[in-house]
Amino acid sequence: MALSRKRKLQFSAILLLVALLLAELVARLVTGPQPMPFVPHPYLRQVRAPNASLDYLTLDGERKYTLGVDEYGFRAEGLPKPGTPKPPGEYRIFFVGASTTENRVLPDEETFPELVEVALNTRSGGPKVIAINTAISGNMMADSLSLVAHRVLALEPDLIVVLHAINDMRATLSTRFDPTHYEDRRPPKPATLDDVLTRYVRLYDLAGRLRSRFKQDRDSRMRARAQGVPYTEGVDPTRGLPYFTRYLHMLTALCRDADVPLVLCAQPSIYRPDLNEEELASLWMGLINRGELNLDPLTLMRGMQAYNARIREVAEERGVRFVDLDAAVPKDLEHFYDDCHYTAQGNQRVAAALSEALLREGELPRAPLPLPPR
């Protein structure tokens, strides 16, 4: 006797459910859950999860590499366990900043903090240098002040290198910018259905990872979106400069009081008056707050020039080292792959400029430069 249509549907549903359960079981046996890249921190918005390892594709999309972090959530090797005294003869350089320091599209050995470590250990003849990359994409100067105060200083740094500007410039132009950071301390939003399924259903998690392999990357989506939004006229790109300057002064004061040498760097960018069509097509960072503003390249260039000039002024006023990385990196697509993020060649230029600045006097800096009279 032939099964009714209803019975056939019921039977098919049962078979599908059994197949899904078996597939879920196999997925759990052969794969682990997607690691959480970030965890909350009481004094910071977020930090990288300790000992996390995440797989990424390199900038050319042809090589897979693992971005691993240590027990502190830093992109580093050789830093001992928390609470362990610093070994004699070790010189720790902490690199502090955002995506342009983190360099998430390149393996460690091609990033400028690692290249600086290699150069100094090869050429200085001094103490063993350990480079610790503490940067997190999206961070601003206020984040780095908290990071240095609550995490870095406890790890006995010998030198702190800070690279910031473009995130502060962009974020402070939005009408939604909150200088009190009240919004950052609100409880996290409730988990969405996608969050729950990703966390508890391994098949769904694997499907999401597979989709991400074929999905257009974030920067490409942002470029396409930026090119579809008309430029906003009459925007003063220096609107947030007083906010940035305040935190820059606090950071220099903090390092001075802790007797830790500090290096402030100018932010490199590709902006120049005569960008060609290919270079213009690579830009996306003028788009602010999902299209609230879209700054043209000349406005972005003026803003970056003003921020870099202020960094130099504060460095001179406070008596700390200044390295003009903006002048060190050629403004072309061989050294940048978008507005301000470097290729491997760009990282080499940054590393060379920093290494030369630190070696110029024939030795690594061991004490702050003399401060001007108060």
Protein backbone atom coordinates (compact mmCIF):
# COMPACT_ATOMS: atom_id res chain seq x y z
CA MET A 1 0.00 0.00 0.00
CA ALA A 2 1.42 3.34 -1.02
CA LEU A 3 2.23 5.80 1.72
CA SER A 4 0.13 8.93 1.90
CA ARG A 5 1.74 12.26 1.14
CA LYS A 6 1.57 13.25 4.80
CA ARG A 7 3.35 10.04 5.84
CA LYS A 8 6.02 10.61 3.20
CA LEU A 9 6.69 14.10 4.53
CA GLN A 10 6.87 12.82 8.10
CA PHE A 11 9.24 10.03 7.09
CA SER A 12 11.43 12.48 5.13
CA ALA A 13 11.53 14.88 8.08
CA ILE A 14 12.63 12.06 10.40
CA LEU A 15 15.36 10.98 7.97
CA LEU A 16 16.55 14.59 7.64
CA LEU A 17 16.62 15.02 11.41
CA VAL A 18 18.60 11.80 11.86
CA ALA A 19 21.03 12.86 9.12
CA LEU A 20 21.53 16.27 10.75
CA LEU A 21 22.11 14.69 14.15
CA LEU A 22 24.67 12.30 12.69
CA ALA A 23 26.38 15.18 10.84
CA GLU A 24 26.47 17.22 14.06
CA LEU A 25 28.02 14.28 15.89
CA VAL A 26 30.69 13.88 13.20
CA ALA A 27 31.38 17.62 13.23
CA ARG A 28 31.92 17.55 16.99
CA LEU A 29 34.25 14.56 16.69
CA VAL A 30 36.49 16.07 14.00
CA THR A 31 36.46 19.82 14.76
CA GLY A 32 36.65 22.06 17.76
CA PRO A 33 34.54 25.15 18.43
CA GLN A 34 35.52 28.47 16.89
CA PRO A 35 37.76 30.17 19.47
CA MET A 36 36.57 33.46 20.93
CA PRO A 37 39.00 36.14 19.69
CA PHE A 38 38.18 38.71 22.39
CA VAL A 39 37.09 38.77 26.01
CA PRO A 40 35.85 41.70 28.13
CA HIS A 41 38.21 43.49 30.50
CA PRO A 42 37.25 45.64 33.52
CA TYR A 43 39.32 48.64 32.40
CA LEU A 44 39.31 48.18 28.64
CA ARG A 45 36.59 47.61 26.10
CA GLN A 46 38.06 44.27 25.12
CA VAL A 47 41.32 42.34 25.01
CA ARG A 48 42.40 39.37 22.98
CA ALA A 49 41.55 36.06 24.61
CA PRO A 50 44.64 34.54 26.30
CA ASN A 51 46.39 31.84 24.26
CA ALA A 52 43.90 32.21 21.39
CA SER A 53 44.83 31.04 17.91
CA LEU A 54 42.90 32.17 14.87
CA ASP A 55 43.43 31.25 11.24
CA TYR A 56 43.70 34.06 8.71
CA LEU A 57 44.56 34.45 5.06
CA THR A 58 47.45 36.70 4.12
CA LEU A 59 46.91 39.92 2.22
CA ASP A 60 47.25 38.21 -1.15
CA GLY A 61 44.71 35.58 -0.08
CA GLU A 62 47.07 32.79 -1.09
CA ARG A 63 48.63 31.85 2.25
CA LYS A 64 46.99 30.72 5.44
CA TYR A 65 48.64 31.60 8.73
CA THR A 66 47.75 31.37 12.40
CA LEU A 67 47.61 34.51 14.49
CA GLY A 68 48.50 33.34 17.97
CA VAL A 69 48.62 35.37 21.14
CA ASP A 70 50.23 34.64 24.49
CA GLU A 71 48.79 34.41 27.98
CA TYR A 72 48.43 38.18 28.09
CA GLY A 73 46.50 38.29 24.82
CA PHE A 74 49.45 39.97 23.09
CA ARG A 75 50.91 39.06 19.73
CA ALA A 76 54.30 38.10 21.11
CA GLU A 77 56.69 35.29 21.91
CA GLY A 78 59.12 35.05 24.78
CA LEU A 79 57.18 37.00 27.40
CA PRO A 80 57.19 34.86 30.57
CA LYS A 81 54.14 33.84 32.54
CA PRO A 82 52.33 36.51 34.61
CA GLY A 83 54.15 37.23 37.85
CA THR A 84 57.54 36.08 36.56
CA PRO A 85 60.35 38.64 37.05
CA LYS A 86 61.99 39.96 33.91
CA PRO A 87 65.22 38.07 33.14
CA PRO A 88 68.45 40.11 33.42
CA GLY A 89 69.65 41.51 30.11
CA GLU A 90 66.22 41.53 28.45
CA TYR A 91 64.95 44.69 26.76
CA ARG A 92 61.18 44.80 26.26
CA ILE A 93 59.66 47.04 23.60
CA PHE A 94 55.86 47.27 23.71
CA PHE A 95 54.20 48.37 20.48
CA VAL A 96 50.87 50.06 21.17
CA GLY A 97 48.28 51.06 18.61
CA ALA A 98 45.48 49.78 16.39
CA SER A 99 45.18 47.85 13.12
CA THR A 100 48.19 49.52 11.51
CA THR A 101 50.34 48.07 14.31
CA GLU A 102 48.44 44.81 14.75
CA ASN A 103 48.86 43.97 11.02
CA ARG A 104 46.24 41.23 11.00
CA VAL A 105 46.72 40.35 7.31
CA LEU A 106 50.38 39.36 7.71
CA PRO A 107 52.18 36.65 9.67
CA ASP A 108 54.36 37.75 12.58
CA GLU A 109 57.65 37.65 10.68
CA GLU A 110 56.39 40.21 8.14
CA THR A 111 55.06 42.76 10.66
CA PHE A 112 57.13 45.75 11.67
CA PRO A 113 57.32 44.96 15.43
CA GLU A 114 58.87 41.58 14.64
CA LEU A 115 61.17 43.14 12.02
CA VAL A 116 62.33 45.75 14.54
CA GLU A 117 63.11 42.99 17.04
CA VAL A 118 65.21 41.14 14.47
CA ALA A 119 67.02 44.31 13.36
CA LEU A 120 67.89 45.43 16.87
CA ASN A 121 69.06 42.00 17.97
CA THR A 122 71.19 41.75 14.84
CA ARG A 123 72.75 45.20 14.90
CA SER A 124 72.68 46.68 18.39
CA GLY A 125 75.09 44.35 20.19
CA GLY A 126 73.22 45.26 23.35
CA PRO A 127 70.58 43.50 25.44
CA LYS A 128 68.25 40.87 24.03
CA VAL A 129 65.26 42.69 22.55
CA ILE A 130 61.75 41.28 22.90
CA ALA A 131 59.02 42.94 20.80
CA ILE A 132 55.48 42.72 22.20
CA ASN A 133 52.66 43.72 19.84
CA THR A 134 49.72 44.78 22.05
CA ALA A 135 47.67 46.47 19.31
CA ILE A 136 44.00 45.74 18.61
CA SER A 137 42.19 46.90 15.49
CA GLY A 138 39.86 49.81 16.20
CA ASN A 139 41.65 51.03 19.30
CA MET A 140 42.07 54.76 19.89
CA MET A 141 44.45 56.81 22.01
CA ALA A 142 42.14 56.52 25.03
CA ASP A 143 42.26 52.72 24.74
CA SER A 144 46.03 52.77 24.62
CA LEU A 145 46.24 55.01 27.69
CA SER A 146 44.22 52.42 29.64
CA LEU A 147 46.23 49.57 28.15
CA VAL A 148 49.54 51.10 29.20
CA ALA A 149 48.25 52.06 32.65
CA HIS A 150 46.58 48.77 33.55
CA ARG A 151 48.53 46.14 31.63
CA VAL A 152 51.81 47.25 30.05
CA LEU A 153 53.51 49.03 32.96
CA ALA A 154 53.11 45.95 35.17
CA LEU A 155 55.22 43.99 32.66
CA GLU A 156 58.37 46.10 33.15
CA PRO A 157 58.65 47.77 29.73
CA ASP A 158 61.96 49.31 28.69
CA LEU A 159 60.39 51.22 25.82
CA ILE A 160 56.85 51.93 24.58
CA VAL A 161 56.20 52.77 20.91
CA VAL A 162 52.83 54.37 20.16
CA LEU A 163 51.20 54.73 16.74
CA HIS A 164 47.76 56.37 16.59
CA ALA A 165 45.85 59.05 14.69
CA ILE A 166 43.47 57.91 11.98
CA ASN A 167 40.97 56.09 14.23
CA ASP A 168 40.77 59.08 16.55
CA MET A 169 40.28 61.46 13.62
CA ARG A 170 37.50 59.35 12.09
CA ALA A 171 35.61 58.47 15.27
CA THR A 172 35.53 61.99 16.68
CA LEU A 173 33.91 63.38 13.51
CA SER A 174 30.71 61.39 14.02
CA THR A 175 27.81 63.05 15.83
CA ARG A 176 27.45 59.77 17.75
CA PHE A 177 30.95 59.99 19.23
CA ASP A 178 30.81 59.80 23.03
CA PRO A 179 33.87 61.47 24.63
CA THR A 180 32.82 60.24 28.10
CA HIS A 181 32.86 56.60 26.93
CA TYR A 182 29.64 55.99 28.81
CA GLU A 183 28.34 53.74 26.06
CA ASP A 184 31.42 51.53 26.35
CA ARG A 185 30.42 50.56 29.89
CA ARG A 186 26.87 49.54 29.14
CA PRO A 187 26.02 45.84 29.55
CA PRO A 188 26.53 43.85 26.35
CA LYS A 189 23.57 43.37 24.07
CA PRO A 190 21.63 40.09 24.42
CA ALA A 191 22.89 37.25 22.26
CA THR A 192 21.21 36.95 18.89
CA LEU A 193 19.90 33.70 17.43
CA ASP A 194 22.98 33.62 15.19
CA ASP A 195 25.22 33.92 18.27
CA VAL A 196 23.44 31.06 20.02
CA LEU A 197 23.49 28.76 17.00
CA THR A 198 27.17 29.52 16.33
CA ARG A 199 28.07 28.71 19.91
CA TYR A 200 26.06 25.53 20.42
CA VAL A 201 25.50 23.98 16.96
CA ARG A 202 28.79 22.87 15.41
CA LEU A 203 27.31 22.39 11.94
CA TYR A 204 26.04 25.98 11.93
CA ASP A 205 29.44 27.18 13.10
CA LEU A 206 31.19 25.28 10.31
CA ALA A 207 28.75 26.62 7.74
CA GLY A 208 29.50 30.15 8.91
CA ARG A 209 33.22 29.59 8.57
CA LEU A 210 32.70 28.23 5.05
CA ARG A 211 30.57 31.23 4.09
CA SER A 212 33.27 33.59 5.33
CA ARG A 213 35.79 31.95 2.98
CA PHE A 214 33.75 32.91 -0.07
CA LYS A 215 32.22 36.14 1.21
CA GLN A 216 33.68 39.44 0.11
CA ASP A 217 36.07 40.66 2.79
CA ARG A 218 35.12 43.60 5.00
CA ASP A 219 37.51 46.07 3.38
CA SER A 220 36.18 45.28 -0.10
CA ARG A 221 32.60 45.79 1.09
CA MET A 222 33.58 49.09 2.68
CA ARG A 223 35.32 50.24 -0.51
CA ALA A 224 32.23 49.47 -2.56
CA ARG A 225 30.01 51.25 -0.05
CA ALA A 226 32.28 54.31 0.14
CA GLN A 227 32.27 54.69 -3.64
CA GLY A 228 28.47 54.72 -3.62
CA VAL A 229 28.11 57.57 -1.11
CA PRO A 230 28.66 61.21 -2.20
CA TYR A 231 31.39 63.17 -0.45
CA THR A 232 30.35 65.32 2.52
CA GLU A 233 31.34 68.94 2.06
CA GLY A 234 32.52 71.40 4.70
CA VAL A 235 33.80 68.88 7.28
CA ASP A 236 36.63 70.04 9.53
CA PRO A 237 38.82 66.92 9.93
CA THR A 238 40.54 68.42 12.99
CA ARG A 239 37.36 68.60 15.06
CA GLY A 240 38.55 65.87 17.42
CA LEU A 241 42.12 67.12 17.75
CA PRO A 242 41.65 68.56 21.29
CA TYR A 243 40.31 65.19 22.48
CA PHE A 244 43.23 63.35 20.90
CA THR A 245 45.73 65.84 22.33
CA ARG A 246 44.35 65.46 25.85
CA TYR A 247 44.91 61.71 25.85
CA LEU A 248 48.29 62.10 24.16
CA HIS A 249 49.41 64.39 27.01
CA MET A 250 48.08 61.95 29.61
CA LEU A 251 49.98 59.08 28.00
CA THR A 252 53.27 60.98 27.97
CA ALA A 253 52.74 62.01 31.61
CA LEU A 254 51.99 58.43 32.59
CA CYS A 255 55.20 57.13 30.98
CA ARG A 256 57.21 59.97 32.46
CA ASP A 257 55.98 59.24 35.98
CA ALA A 258 56.73 55.53 35.48
CA ASP A 259 60.23 56.40 34.15
CA VAL A 260 59.60 54.46 30.94
CA PRO A 261 60.95 55.87 27.64
CA LEU A 262 58.30 56.60 25.03
CA VAL A 263 58.39 56.92 21.25
CA LEU A 264 55.56 58.75 19.47
CA CYS A 265 55.14 58.07 15.76
CA ALA A 266 53.46 59.95 12.94
CA GLN A 267 50.73 57.87 11.26
CA PRO A 268 51.62 56.92 7.67
CA SER A 269 48.89 57.08 5.03
CA ILE A 270 48.61 56.94 1.25
CA TYR A 271 46.86 60.33 0.99
CA ARG A 272 48.37 62.80 -1.44
CA PRO A 273 46.85 65.35 -3.89
CA ASP A 274 47.47 63.34 -7.08
CA LEU A 275 46.13 59.85 -6.34
CA ASN A 276 45.45 57.84 -9.49
CA GLU A 277 42.26 55.87 -10.20
CA GLU A 278 43.58 52.60 -8.81
CA GLU A 279 44.72 54.29 -5.61
CA LEU A 280 41.39 56.10 -5.22
CA ALA A 281 39.56 52.79 -5.66
CA SER A 282 41.54 51.30 -2.75
CA LEU A 283 40.24 53.88 -0.24
CA TRP A 284 37.38 53.32 2.20
CA MET A 285 38.24 55.03 5.50
CA GLY A 286 36.59 58.31 4.55
CA LEU A 287 33.25 56.56 5.13
CA ILE A 288 32.35 57.25 8.76
CA ASN A 289 29.63 55.72 10.91
CA ARG A 290 27.98 53.67 8.14
CA GLY A 291 27.68 56.60 5.77
CA GLU A 292 26.93 59.50 8.12
CA LEU A 293 29.94 61.19 6.51
CA ASN A 294 32.13 60.39 3.54
CA LEU A 295 35.34 62.42 3.44
CA ASP A 296 37.21 63.04 0.22
CA PRO A 297 40.94 62.19 0.08
CA LEU A 298 42.11 65.81 0.32
CA THR A 299 40.10 66.34 3.51
CA LEU A 300 41.53 63.11 4.93
CA MET A 301 45.02 64.23 3.95
CA ARG A 302 44.60 67.59 5.73
CA GLY A 303 43.32 65.81 8.81
CA MET A 304 46.21 63.38 8.94
CA GLN A 305 48.72 66.19 8.44
CA ALA A 306 47.19 68.10 11.36
CA TYR A 307 47.19 65.07 13.65
CA ASN A 308 50.78 64.16 12.78
CA ALA A 309 51.88 67.76 13.35
CA ARG A 310 50.24 67.68 16.78
CA ILE A 311 52.02 64.43 17.65
CA ARG A 312 55.32 66.05 16.76
CA GLU A 313 54.48 69.16 18.82
CA VAL A 314 53.58 67.11 21.91
CA ALA A 315 56.72 64.98 21.54
CA GLU A 316 58.91 68.08 21.38
CA GLU A 317 57.07 69.74 24.25
CA ARG A 318 57.28 66.65 26.47
CA GLY A 319 60.82 65.71 25.50
CA VAL A 320 60.05 62.27 24.10
CA ARG A 321 61.27 60.68 20.90
CA PHE A 322 59.36 61.30 17.69
CA VAL A 323 59.67 59.20 14.53
CA ASP A 324 58.11 60.54 11.34
CA LEU A 325 56.85 57.29 9.86
CA ASP A 326 54.60 59.20 7.48
CA ALA A 327 57.69 60.50 5.70
CA ALA A 328 59.34 57.07 5.76
CA VAL A 329 56.70 55.11 3.81
CA PRO A 330 56.15 55.92 0.09
CA LYS A 331 52.53 56.79 -0.65
CA ASP A 332 51.70 54.13 -3.22
CA LEU A 333 50.02 50.72 -3.52
CA GLU A 334 53.31 48.90 -3.23
CA HIS A 335 53.48 49.98 0.40
CA PHE A 336 49.78 50.45 1.27
CA TYR A 337 46.79 48.31 0.33
CA ASP A 338 44.24 50.94 1.36
CA ASP A 339 44.18 54.31 3.15
CA CYS A 340 46.73 53.52 5.85
CA HIS A 341 47.33 49.76 6.20
CA TYR A 342 50.69 48.49 5.03
CA THR A 343 51.75 45.72 2.74
CA ALA A 344 54.79 43.62 3.64
CA GLN A 345 56.95 46.25 1.88
CA GLY A 346 55.29 49.00 3.91
CA ASN A 347 56.04 47.13 7.12
CA GLN A 348 59.68 46.88 6.05
CA ARG A 349 59.86 50.68 5.61
CA VAL A 350 58.26 51.28 9.02
CA ALA A 351 60.63 48.81 10.68
CA ALA A 352 63.67 50.36 9.02
CA ALA A 353 62.70 53.87 10.14
CA LEU A 354 62.08 52.78 13.72
CA SER A 355 65.23 50.66 13.91
CA GLU A 356 67.40 53.46 12.56
CA ALA A 357 65.88 55.94 15.02
CA LEU A 358 66.59 53.65 17.96
CA LEU A 359 70.11 52.81 16.82
CA ARG A 360 71.10 56.31 15.75
CA GLU A 361 73.06 57.01 18.93
CA GLY A 362 74.76 53.62 18.82
CA GLU A 363 72.76 51.99 21.60
CA LEU A 364 69.22 51.23 22.61
CA PRO A 365 67.55 53.91 24.73
CA ARG A 366 67.76 53.03 28.42
CA ALA A 367 66.34 56.15 30.01
CA PRO A 368 63.99 58.97 29.02
CA LEU A 369 65.47 61.94 27.23
CA PRO A 370 65.95 65.05 29.39
CA LEU A 371 62.68 66.86 29.92
CA PRO A 372 62.27 70.60 29.38
CA PRO A 373 61.85 72.71 32.50
CA ARG A 374 58.30 72.90 33.78
